[in-house]
Amino acid sequence: MADQPPVVPSPDSFDHWLKEHQWGFTADARGGAWAYEVRHPVWRIYPNAAAEVGLEFGRVYGPAWADLEGARPASVVLAEGSGVEVHPRRRVG
């Protein structure tokens, strides 16, 4: 939930860092590393956003995760979002 209008976060903030990644990385079944570029406008965020998690972690992920049930998120970043460009992957390793 958000109760304030969206703003552009400071470039040195955690909120900015969390959502503004230009590169994504993945591995294939043989262990090869790949990179792909993701482009989008800077996303505004809703300050003081809040979230509730209603997931039965133990049931979904197994008993080792059950301790998370009822836990509150350590941080919440709600961004406007937009269309994105995802460019073809390139081998990097």
PDB file of N, CA and C in Angstrom:
ATOM      1  N   MET A   1       0.836  -1.170   0.000  1.00  0.00           N
ATOM      2  CA  MET A   1       0.000   0.000   0.000  1.00  0.00           C
ATOM      3  C   MET A   1       0.886   1.239   0.000  1.00  0.00           C
ATOM      4  N   ALA A   2       0.389   2.275  -0.631  1.00  0.00           N
ATOM      5  CA  ALA A   2       1.113   3.546  -0.662  1.00  0.00           C
ATOM      6  C   ALA A   2       0.126   4.669  -0.396  1.00  0.00           C
ATOM      7  N   ASP A   3       0.549   5.627   0.415  1.00  0.00           N
ATOM      8  CA  ASP A   3      -0.347   6.731   0.745  1.00  0.00           C
ATOM      9  C   ASP A   3       0.211   8.083   0.314  1.00  0.00           C
ATOM     10  N   GLN A   4       1.311   8.083  -0.439  1.00  0.00           N
ATOM     11  CA  GLN A   4       1.913   9.324  -0.921  1.00  0.00           C
ATOM     12  C   GLN A   4       2.190   9.196  -2.413  1.00  0.00           C
ATOM     13  N   PRO A   5       2.288  10.317  -3.122  1.00  0.00           N
ATOM     14  CA  PRO A   5       2.586  10.244  -4.556  1.00  0.00           C
ATOM     15  C   PRO A   5       4.013   9.748  -4.795  1.00  0.00           C
ATOM     16  N   PRO A   6       4.272   9.162  -5.964  1.00  0.00           N
ATOM     17  CA  PRO A   6       5.605   8.629  -6.241  1.00  0.00           C
ATOM     18  C   PRO A   6       6.647   9.730  -6.433  1.00  0.00           C
ATOM     19  N   VAL A   7       7.901   9.387  -6.101  1.00  0.00           N
ATOM     20  CA  VAL A   7       9.033  10.303  -6.235  1.00  0.00           C
ATOM     21  C   VAL A   7      10.210   9.542  -6.835  1.00  0.00           C
ATOM     22  N   VAL A   8      11.157  10.279  -7.419  1.00  0.00           N
ATOM     23  CA  VAL A   8      12.396   9.672  -7.901  1.00  0.00           C
ATOM     24  C   VAL A   8      13.349   9.575  -6.710  1.00  0.00           C
ATOM     25  N   PRO A   9      13.803   8.367  -6.371  1.00  0.00           N
ATOM     26  CA  PRO A   9      14.703   8.247  -5.228  1.00  0.00           C
ATOM     27  C   PRO A   9      16.092   8.792  -5.550  1.00  0.00           C
ATOM     28  N   SER A  10      16.803   9.181  -4.533  1.00  0.00           N
ATOM     29  CA  SER A  10      18.169   9.676  -4.681  1.00  0.00           C
ATOM     30  C   SER A  10      19.039   8.590  -5.321  1.00  0.00           C
ATOM     31  N   PRO A  11      19.919   8.960  -6.262  1.00  0.00           N
ATOM     32  CA  PRO A  11      20.770   7.962  -6.925  1.00  0.00           C
ATOM     33  C   PRO A  11      21.671   7.172  -5.971  1.00  0.00           C
ATOM     34  N   ASP A  12      21.929   7.695  -4.779  1.00  0.00           N
ATOM     35  CA  ASP A  12      22.779   6.971  -3.831  1.00  0.00           C
ATOM     36  C   ASP A  12      21.968   6.221  -2.768  1.00  0.00           C
ATOM     37  N   SER A  13      20.658   6.067  -2.994  1.00  0.00           N
ATOM     38  CA  SER A  13      19.799   5.401  -2.010  1.00  0.00           C
ATOM     39  C   SER A  13      19.691   3.899  -2.277  1.00  0.00           C
ATOM     40  N   PHE A  14      19.323   3.165  -1.231  1.00  0.00           N
ATOM     41  CA  PHE A  14      19.070   1.732  -1.364  1.00  0.00           C
ATOM     42  C   PHE A  14      17.929   1.483  -2.341  1.00  0.00           C
ATOM     43  N   ASP A  15      16.877   2.285  -2.274  1.00  0.00           N
ATOM     44  CA  ASP A  15      15.726   2.110  -3.166  1.00  0.00           C
ATOM     45  C   ASP A  15      16.150   2.203  -4.628  1.00  0.00           C
ATOM     46  N   HIS A  16      16.994   3.178  -4.951  1.00  0.00           N
ATOM     47  CA  HIS A  16      17.481   3.329  -6.327  1.00  0.00           C
ATOM     48  C   HIS A  16      18.316   2.110  -6.716  1.00  0.00           C
ATOM     49  N   TRP A  17      19.255   1.736  -5.858  1.00  0.00           N
ATOM     50  CA  TRP A  17      20.140   0.612  -6.153  1.00  0.00           C
ATOM     51  C   TRP A  17      19.344  -0.668  -6.405  1.00  0.00           C
ATOM     52  N   LEU A  18      18.308  -0.903  -5.618  1.00  0.00           N
ATOM     53  CA  LEU A  18      17.545  -2.139  -5.695  1.00  0.00           C
ATOM     54  C   LEU A  18      16.838  -2.315  -7.038  1.00  0.00           C
ATOM     55  N   LYS A  19      16.385  -1.249  -7.637  1.00  0.00           N
ATOM     56  CA  LYS A  19      15.552  -1.362  -8.841  1.00  0.00           C
ATOM     57  C   LYS A  19      16.226  -0.924 -10.126  1.00  0.00           C
ATOM     58  N   GLU A  20      17.381  -0.301 -10.051  1.00  0.00           N
ATOM     59  CA  GLU A  20      18.024   0.224 -11.256  1.00  0.00           C
ATOM     60  C   GLU A  20      19.255  -0.595 -11.641  1.00  0.00           C
ATOM     61  N   HIS A  21      19.045  -1.816 -12.051  1.00  0.00           N
ATOM     62  CA  HIS A  21      20.135  -2.662 -12.537  1.00  0.00           C
ATOM     63  C   HIS A  21      20.092  -2.694 -14.058  1.00  0.00           C
ATOM     64  N   GLN A  22      21.192  -2.329 -14.683  1.00  0.00           N
ATOM     65  CA  GLN A  22      21.238  -2.327 -16.144  1.00  0.00           C
ATOM     66  C   GLN A  22      21.556  -3.713 -16.690  1.00  0.00           C
ATOM     67  N   TRP A  23      22.169  -4.558 -15.874  1.00  0.00           N
ATOM     68  CA  TRP A  23      22.595  -5.870 -16.347  1.00  0.00           C
ATOM     69  C   TRP A  23      21.988  -6.978 -15.506  1.00  0.00           C
ATOM     70  N   GLY A  24      21.579  -8.053 -16.188  1.00  0.00           N
ATOM     71  CA  GLY A  24      21.138  -9.262 -15.524  1.00  0.00           C
ATOM     72  C   GLY A  24      22.094 -10.385 -15.893  1.00  0.00           C
ATOM     73  N   PHE A  25      22.174 -11.378 -15.043  1.00  0.00           N
ATOM     74  CA  PHE A  25      23.101 -12.485 -15.269  1.00  0.00           C
ATOM     75  C   PHE A  25      22.391 -13.803 -15.028  1.00  0.00           C
ATOM     76  N   THR A  26      22.819 -14.826 -15.768  1.00  0.00           N
ATOM     77  CA  THR A  26      22.237 -16.151 -15.616  1.00  0.00           C
ATOM     78  C   THR A  26      23.286 -17.192 -15.980  1.00  0.00           C
ATOM     79  N   ALA A  27      22.977 -18.448 -15.711  1.00  0.00           N
ATOM     80  CA  ALA A  27      23.852 -19.553 -16.080  1.00  0.00           C
ATOM     81  C   ALA A  27      23.037 -20.564 -16.869  1.00  0.00           C
ATOM     82  N   ASP A  28      23.699 -21.249 -17.795  1.00  0.00           N
ATOM     83  CA  ASP A  28      23.003 -22.298 -18.533  1.00  0.00           C
ATOM     84  C   ASP A  28      23.247 -23.643 -17.854  1.00  0.00           C
ATOM     85  N   ALA A  29      22.641 -24.699 -18.393  1.00  0.00           N
ATOM     86  CA  ALA A  29      22.724 -26.023 -17.774  1.00  0.00           C
ATOM     87  C   ALA A  29      24.151 -26.554 -17.717  1.00  0.00           C
ATOM     88  N   ARG A  30      25.023 -26.054 -18.572  1.00  0.00           N
ATOM     89  CA  ARG A  30      26.423 -26.517 -18.591  1.00  0.00           C
ATOM     90  C   ARG A  30      27.336 -25.663 -17.717  1.00  0.00           C
ATOM     91  N   GLY A  31      26.765 -24.676 -17.036  1.00  0.00           N
ATOM     92  CA  GLY A  31      27.566 -23.827 -16.163  1.00  0.00           C
ATOM     93  C   GLY A  31      28.123 -22.591 -16.829  1.00  0.00           C
ATOM     94  N   GLY A  32      27.761 -22.354 -18.085  1.00  0.00           N
ATOM     95  CA  GLY A  32      28.219 -21.149 -18.775  1.00  0.00           C
ATOM     96  C   GLY A  32      27.521 -19.919 -18.217  1.00  0.00           C
ATOM     97  N   ALA A  33      28.234 -18.822 -18.137  1.00  0.00           N
ATOM     98  CA  ALA A  33      27.673 -17.570 -17.617  1.00  0.00           C
ATOM     99  C   ALA A  33      27.263 -16.663 -18.770  1.00  0.00           C
ATOM    100  N   TRP A  34      26.143 -16.006 -18.593  1.00  0.00           N
ATOM    101  CA  TRP A  34      25.588 -15.123 -19.614  1.00  0.00           C
ATOM    102  C   TRP A  34      25.180 -13.802 -18.970  1.00  0.00           C
ATOM    103  N   ALA A  35      25.250 -12.733 -19.752  1.00  0.00           N
ATOM    104  CA  ALA A  35      24.786 -11.414 -19.307  1.00  0.00           C
ATOM    105  C   ALA A  35      23.790 -10.891 -20.330  1.00  0.00           C
ATOM    106  N   TYR A  36      22.830 -10.130 -19.866  1.00  0.00           N
ATOM    107  CA  TYR A  36      21.878  -9.481 -20.761  1.00  0.00           C
ATOM    108  C   TYR A  36      21.599  -8.083 -20.222  1.00  0.00           C
ATOM    109  N   GLU A  37      21.371  -7.161 -21.145  1.00  0.00           N
ATOM    110  CA  GLU A  37      21.126  -5.773 -20.754  1.00  0.00           C
ATOM    111  C   GLU A  37      19.630  -5.524 -20.625  1.00  0.00           C
ATOM    112  N   VAL A  38      19.262  -4.771 -19.602  1.00  0.00           N
ATOM    113  CA  VAL A  38      17.872  -4.381 -19.369  1.00  0.00           C
ATOM    114  C   VAL A  38      17.830  -2.859 -19.314  1.00  0.00           C
ATOM    115  N   ARG A  39      16.982  -2.258 -20.141  1.00  0.00           N
ATOM    116  CA  ARG A  39      16.859  -0.793 -20.158  1.00  0.00           C
ATOM    117  C   ARG A  39      15.415  -0.396 -19.864  1.00  0.00           C
ATOM    118  N   HIS A  40      15.291   0.659 -19.062  1.00  0.00           N
ATOM    119  CA  HIS A  40      13.980   1.246 -18.790  1.00  0.00           C
ATOM    120  C   HIS A  40      14.196   2.629 -18.205  1.00  0.00           C
ATOM    121  N   PRO A  41      13.185   3.493 -18.257  1.00  0.00           N
ATOM    122  CA  PRO A  41      13.311   4.799 -17.599  1.00  0.00           C
ATOM    123  C   PRO A  41      13.490   4.603 -16.093  1.00  0.00           C
ATOM    124  N   VAL A  42      14.030   5.604 -15.434  1.00  0.00           N
ATOM    125  CA  VAL A  42      14.146   5.536 -13.973  1.00  0.00           C
ATOM    126  C   VAL A  42      12.741   5.438 -13.385  1.00  0.00           C
ATOM    127  N   TRP A  43      12.537   4.459 -12.540  1.00  0.00           N
ATOM    128  CA  TRP A  43      11.225   4.257 -11.939  1.00  0.00           C
ATOM    129  C   TRP A  43      11.081   5.082 -10.672  1.00  0.00           C
ATOM    130  N   ARG A  44       9.948   5.759 -10.562  1.00  0.00           N
ATOM    131  CA  ARG A  44       9.629   6.462  -9.319  1.00  0.00           C
ATOM    132  C   ARG A  44       9.146   5.432  -8.300  1.00  0.00           C
ATOM    133  N   ILE A  45       9.330   5.759  -7.037  1.00  0.00           N
ATOM    134  CA  ILE A  45       8.875   4.878  -5.957  1.00  0.00           C
ATOM    135  C   ILE A  45       7.840   5.602  -5.107  1.00  0.00           C
ATOM    136  N   TYR A  46       7.056   4.813  -4.414  1.00  0.00           N
ATOM    137  CA  TYR A  46       6.082   5.353  -3.473  1.00  0.00           C
ATOM    138  C   TYR A  46       6.713   5.338  -2.083  1.00  0.00           C
ATOM    139  N   PRO A  47       6.978   6.523  -1.504  1.00  0.00           N
ATOM    140  CA  PRO A  47       7.603   6.564  -0.178  1.00  0.00           C
ATOM    141  C   PRO A  47       6.705   5.928   0.882  1.00  0.00           C
ATOM    142  N   ASN A  48       7.321   5.360   1.865  1.00  0.00           N
ATOM    143  CA  ASN A  48       6.607   4.775   3.006  1.00  0.00           C
ATOM    144  C   ASN A  48       5.617   3.685   2.609  1.00  0.00           C
ATOM    145  N   ALA A  49       5.904   2.970   1.529  1.00  0.00           N
ATOM    146  CA  ALA A  49       5.036   1.863   1.131  1.00  0.00           C
ATOM    147  C   ALA A  49       5.086   0.780   2.202  1.00  0.00           C
ATOM    148  N   ALA A  50       4.009   0.057   2.340  1.00  0.00           N
ATOM    149  CA  ALA A  50       3.931  -1.024   3.324  1.00  0.00           C
ATOM    150  C   ALA A  50       3.448  -2.291   2.634  1.00  0.00           C
ATOM    151  N   ALA A  51       3.790  -3.430   3.201  1.00  0.00           N
ATOM    152  CA  ALA A  51       3.366  -4.703   2.625  1.00  0.00           C
ATOM    153  C   ALA A  51       3.118  -5.709   3.738  1.00  0.00           C
ATOM    154  N   GLU A  52       2.207  -6.613   3.473  1.00  0.00           N
ATOM    155  CA  GLU A  52       1.957  -7.742   4.359  1.00  0.00           C
ATOM    156  C   GLU A  52       2.179  -9.009   3.553  1.00  0.00           C
ATOM    157  N   VAL A  53       2.805  -9.991   4.167  1.00  0.00           N
ATOM    158  CA  VAL A  53       3.068 -11.260   3.494  1.00  0.00           C
ATOM    159  C   VAL A  53       2.165 -12.315   4.116  1.00  0.00           C
ATOM    160  N   GLY A  54       1.298 -12.897   3.306  1.00  0.00           N
ATOM    161  CA  GLY A  54       0.368 -13.915   3.787  1.00  0.00           C
ATOM    162  C   GLY A  54       0.682 -15.276   3.182  1.00  0.00           C
ATOM    163  N   LEU A  55       1.936 -15.673   3.234  1.00  0.00           N
ATOM    164  CA  LEU A  55       2.379 -16.914   2.612  1.00  0.00           C
ATOM    165  C   LEU A  55       2.724 -17.941   3.680  1.00  0.00           C
ATOM    166  N   GLU A  56       2.297 -19.160   3.483  1.00  0.00           N
ATOM    167  CA  GLU A  56       2.674 -20.254   4.378  1.00  0.00           C
ATOM    168  C   GLU A  56       4.003 -20.813   3.883  1.00  0.00           C
ATOM    169  N   PHE A  57       5.099 -20.184   4.315  1.00  0.00           N
ATOM    170  CA  PHE A  57       6.431 -20.529   3.813  1.00  0.00           C
ATOM    171  C   PHE A  57       6.749 -22.011   3.998  1.00  0.00           C
ATOM    172  N   GLY A  58       6.422 -22.561   5.163  1.00  0.00           N
ATOM    173  CA  GLY A  58       6.710 -23.969   5.432  1.00  0.00           C
ATOM    174  C   GLY A  58       5.995 -24.904   4.477  1.00  0.00           C
ATOM    175  N   ARG A  59       4.777 -24.574   4.140  1.00  0.00           N
ATOM    176  CA  ARG A  59       3.993 -25.413   3.228  1.00  0.00           C
ATOM    177  C   ARG A  59       4.498 -25.297   1.798  1.00  0.00           C
ATOM    178  N   VAL A  60       4.882 -24.087   1.399  1.00  0.00           N
ATOM    179  CA  VAL A  60       5.309 -23.848   0.020  1.00  0.00           C
ATOM    180  C   VAL A  60       6.759 -24.273  -0.212  1.00  0.00           C
ATOM    181  N   TYR A  61       7.652 -23.923   0.725  1.00  0.00           N
ATOM    182  CA  TYR A  61       9.089 -24.144   0.518  1.00  0.00           C
ATOM    183  C   TYR A  61       9.682 -25.244   1.390  1.00  0.00           C
ATOM    184  N   GLY A  62       8.914 -25.760   2.331  1.00  0.00           N
ATOM    185  CA  GLY A  62       9.421 -26.816   3.202  1.00  0.00           C
ATOM    186  C   GLY A  62       9.618 -26.321   4.626  1.00  0.00           C
ATOM    187  N   PRO A  63       9.727 -27.258   5.563  1.00  0.00           N
ATOM    188  CA  PRO A  63       9.806 -26.920   6.990  1.00  0.00           C
ATOM    189  C   PRO A  63      10.945 -25.969   7.357  1.00  0.00           C
ATOM    190  N   ALA A  64      12.037 -26.012   6.642  1.00  0.00           N
ATOM    191  CA  ALA A  64      13.173 -25.138   6.969  1.00  0.00           C
ATOM    192  C   ALA A  64      12.814 -23.662   6.848  1.00  0.00           C
ATOM    193  N   TRP A  65      11.777 -23.346   6.105  1.00  0.00           N
ATOM    194  CA  TRP A  65      11.385 -21.950   5.877  1.00  0.00           C
ATOM    195  C   TRP A  65      10.217 -21.511   6.753  1.00  0.00           C
ATOM    196  N   ALA A  66       9.682 -22.390   7.559  1.00  0.00           N
ATOM    197  CA  ALA A  66       8.487 -22.089   8.355  1.00  0.00           C
ATOM    198  C   ALA A  66       8.697 -20.937   9.330  1.00  0.00           C
ATOM    199  N   ASP A  67       9.930 -20.687   9.758  1.00  0.00           N
ATOM    200  CA  ASP A  67      10.192 -19.589  10.698  1.00  0.00           C
ATOM    201  C   ASP A  67       9.843 -18.223  10.120  1.00  0.00           C
ATOM    202  N   LEU A  68       9.743 -18.127   8.808  1.00  0.00           N
ATOM    203  CA  LEU A  68       9.414 -16.838   8.189  1.00  0.00           C
ATOM    204  C   LEU A  68       7.932 -16.495   8.292  1.00  0.00           C
ATOM    205  N   GLU A  69       7.100 -17.457   8.628  1.00  0.00           N
ATOM    206  CA  GLU A  69       5.667 -17.195   8.713  1.00  0.00           C
ATOM    207  C   GLU A  69       5.397 -16.174   9.806  1.00  0.00           C
ATOM    208  N   GLY A  70       4.699 -15.123   9.457  1.00  0.00           N
ATOM    209  CA  GLY A  70       4.382 -14.058  10.394  1.00  0.00           C
ATOM    210  C   GLY A  70       5.449 -12.983  10.479  1.00  0.00           C
ATOM    211  N   ALA A  71       6.584 -13.189   9.823  1.00  0.00           N
ATOM    212  CA  ALA A  71       7.651 -12.178   9.850  1.00  0.00           C
ATOM    213  C   ALA A  71       7.264 -10.992   8.971  1.00  0.00           C
ATOM    214  N   ARG A  72       7.753  -9.824   9.355  1.00  0.00           N
ATOM    215  CA  ARG A  72       7.500  -8.615   8.569  1.00  0.00           C
ATOM    216  C   ARG A  72       8.665  -8.404   7.608  1.00  0.00           C
ATOM    217  N   PRO A  73       8.406  -7.866   6.413  1.00  0.00           N
ATOM    218  CA  PRO A  73       9.502  -7.588   5.476  1.00  0.00           C
ATOM    219  C   PRO A  73      10.513  -6.613   6.086  1.00  0.00           C
ATOM    220  N   ALA A  74      11.786  -6.818   5.808  1.00  0.00           N
ATOM    221  CA  ALA A  74      12.834  -5.911   6.285  1.00  0.00           C
ATOM    222  C   ALA A  74      12.781  -4.586   5.539  1.00  0.00           C
ATOM    223  N   SER A  75      12.338  -4.612   4.294  1.00  0.00           N
ATOM    224  CA  SER A  75      12.185  -3.380   3.522  1.00  0.00           C
ATOM    225  C   SER A  75      11.109  -3.595   2.467  1.00  0.00           C
ATOM    226  N   VAL A  76      10.510  -2.503   2.029  1.00  0.00           N
ATOM    227  CA  VAL A  76       9.483  -2.537   0.990  1.00  0.00           C
ATOM    228  C   VAL A  76       9.793  -1.424   0.006  1.00  0.00           C
ATOM    229  N   VAL A  77       9.894  -1.777  -1.268  1.00  0.00           N
ATOM    230  CA  VAL A  77      10.076  -0.779  -2.320  1.00  0.00           C
ATOM    231  C   VAL A  77       8.974  -1.015  -3.343  1.00  0.00           C
ATOM    232  N   LEU A  78       8.066  -0.060  -3.459  1.00  0.00           N
ATOM    233  CA  LEU A  78       6.985  -0.134  -4.434  1.00  0.00           C
ATOM    234  C   LEU A  78       7.302   0.870  -5.530  1.00  0.00           C
ATOM    235  N   ALA A  79       7.561   0.372  -6.744  1.00  0.00           N
ATOM    236  CA  ALA A  79       7.941   1.226  -7.869  1.00  0.00           C
ATOM    237  C   ALA A  79       6.828   1.249  -8.902  1.00  0.00           C
ATOM    238  N   GLU A  80       6.746   2.361  -9.626  1.00  0.00           N
ATOM    239  CA  GLU A  80       5.745   2.495 -10.686  1.00  0.00           C
ATOM    240  C   GLU A  80       5.936   1.453 -11.777  1.00  0.00           C
ATOM    241  N   GLY A  81       7.162   1.287 -12.222  1.00  0.00           N
ATOM    242  CA  GLY A  81       7.437   0.369 -13.314  1.00  0.00           C
ATOM    243  C   GLY A  81       7.129   0.996 -14.664  1.00  0.00           C
ATOM    244  N   SER A  82       7.452   0.275 -15.715  1.00  0.00           N
ATOM    245  CA  SER A  82       7.237   0.738 -17.087  1.00  0.00           C
ATOM    246  C   SER A  82       7.528  -0.427 -18.012  1.00  0.00           C
ATOM    247  N   GLY A  83       7.405  -0.164 -19.292  1.00  0.00           N
ATOM    248  CA  GLY A  83       7.895  -1.130 -20.256  1.00  0.00           C
ATOM    249  C   GLY A  83       9.409  -1.219 -20.135  1.00  0.00           C
ATOM    250  N   VAL A  84       9.971  -2.358 -20.491  1.00  0.00           N
ATOM    251  CA  VAL A  84      11.421  -2.529 -20.441  1.00  0.00           C
ATOM    252  C   VAL A  84      11.913  -3.120 -21.754  1.00  0.00           C
ATOM    253  N   GLU A  85      13.181  -2.891 -22.049  1.00  0.00           N
ATOM    254  CA  GLU A  85      13.854  -3.549 -23.167  1.00  0.00           C
ATOM    255  C   GLU A  85      14.812  -4.569 -22.572  1.00  0.00           C
ATOM    256  N   VAL A  86      14.664  -5.824 -22.948  1.00  0.00           N
ATOM    257  CA  VAL A  86      15.603  -6.859 -22.529  1.00  0.00           C
ATOM    258  C   VAL A  86      16.347  -7.301 -23.781  1.00  0.00           C
ATOM    259  N   HIS A  87      17.647  -7.067 -23.797  1.00  0.00           N
ATOM    260  CA  HIS A  87      18.458  -7.337 -24.979  1.00  0.00           C
ATOM    261  C   HIS A  87      18.989  -8.765 -24.956  1.00  0.00           C
ATOM    262  N   PRO A  88      19.340  -9.296 -26.130  1.00  0.00           N
ATOM    263  CA  PRO A  88      19.821 -10.681 -26.194  1.00  0.00           C
ATOM    264  C   PRO A  88      21.012 -10.918 -25.266  1.00  0.00           C
ATOM    265  N   ARG A  89      21.055 -12.103 -24.725  1.00  0.00           N
ATOM    266  CA  ARG A  89      22.141 -12.447 -23.808  1.00  0.00           C
ATOM    267  C   ARG A  89      23.451 -12.633 -24.567  1.00  0.00           C
ATOM    268  N   ARG A  90      24.547 -12.440 -23.813  1.00  0.00           N
ATOM    269  CA  ARG A  90      25.889 -12.646 -24.367  1.00  0.00           C
ATOM    270  C   ARG A  90      26.676 -13.502 -23.386  1.00  0.00           C
ATOM    271  N   ARG A  91      27.461 -14.404 -23.923  1.00  0.00           N
ATOM    272  CA  ARG A  91      28.292 -15.259 -23.060  1.00  0.00           C
ATOM    273  C   ARG A  91      29.376 -14.413 -22.401  1.00  0.00           C
ATOM    274  N   VAL A  92      29.524 -14.592 -21.088  1.00  0.00           N
ATOM    275  CA  VAL A  92      30.553 -13.853 -20.353  1.00  0.00           C
ATOM    276  C   VAL A  92      31.489 -14.800 -19.589  1.00  0.00           C
ATOM    277  N   GLY A  93      31.263 -16.069 -19.693  1.00  0.00           N
ATOM    278  CA  GLY A  93      32.144 -17.008 -18.995  1.00  0.00           C
ATOM    279  C   GLY A  93      31.767 -18.434 -19.249  1.00  0.00           C
TER     280      GLY A  93
END
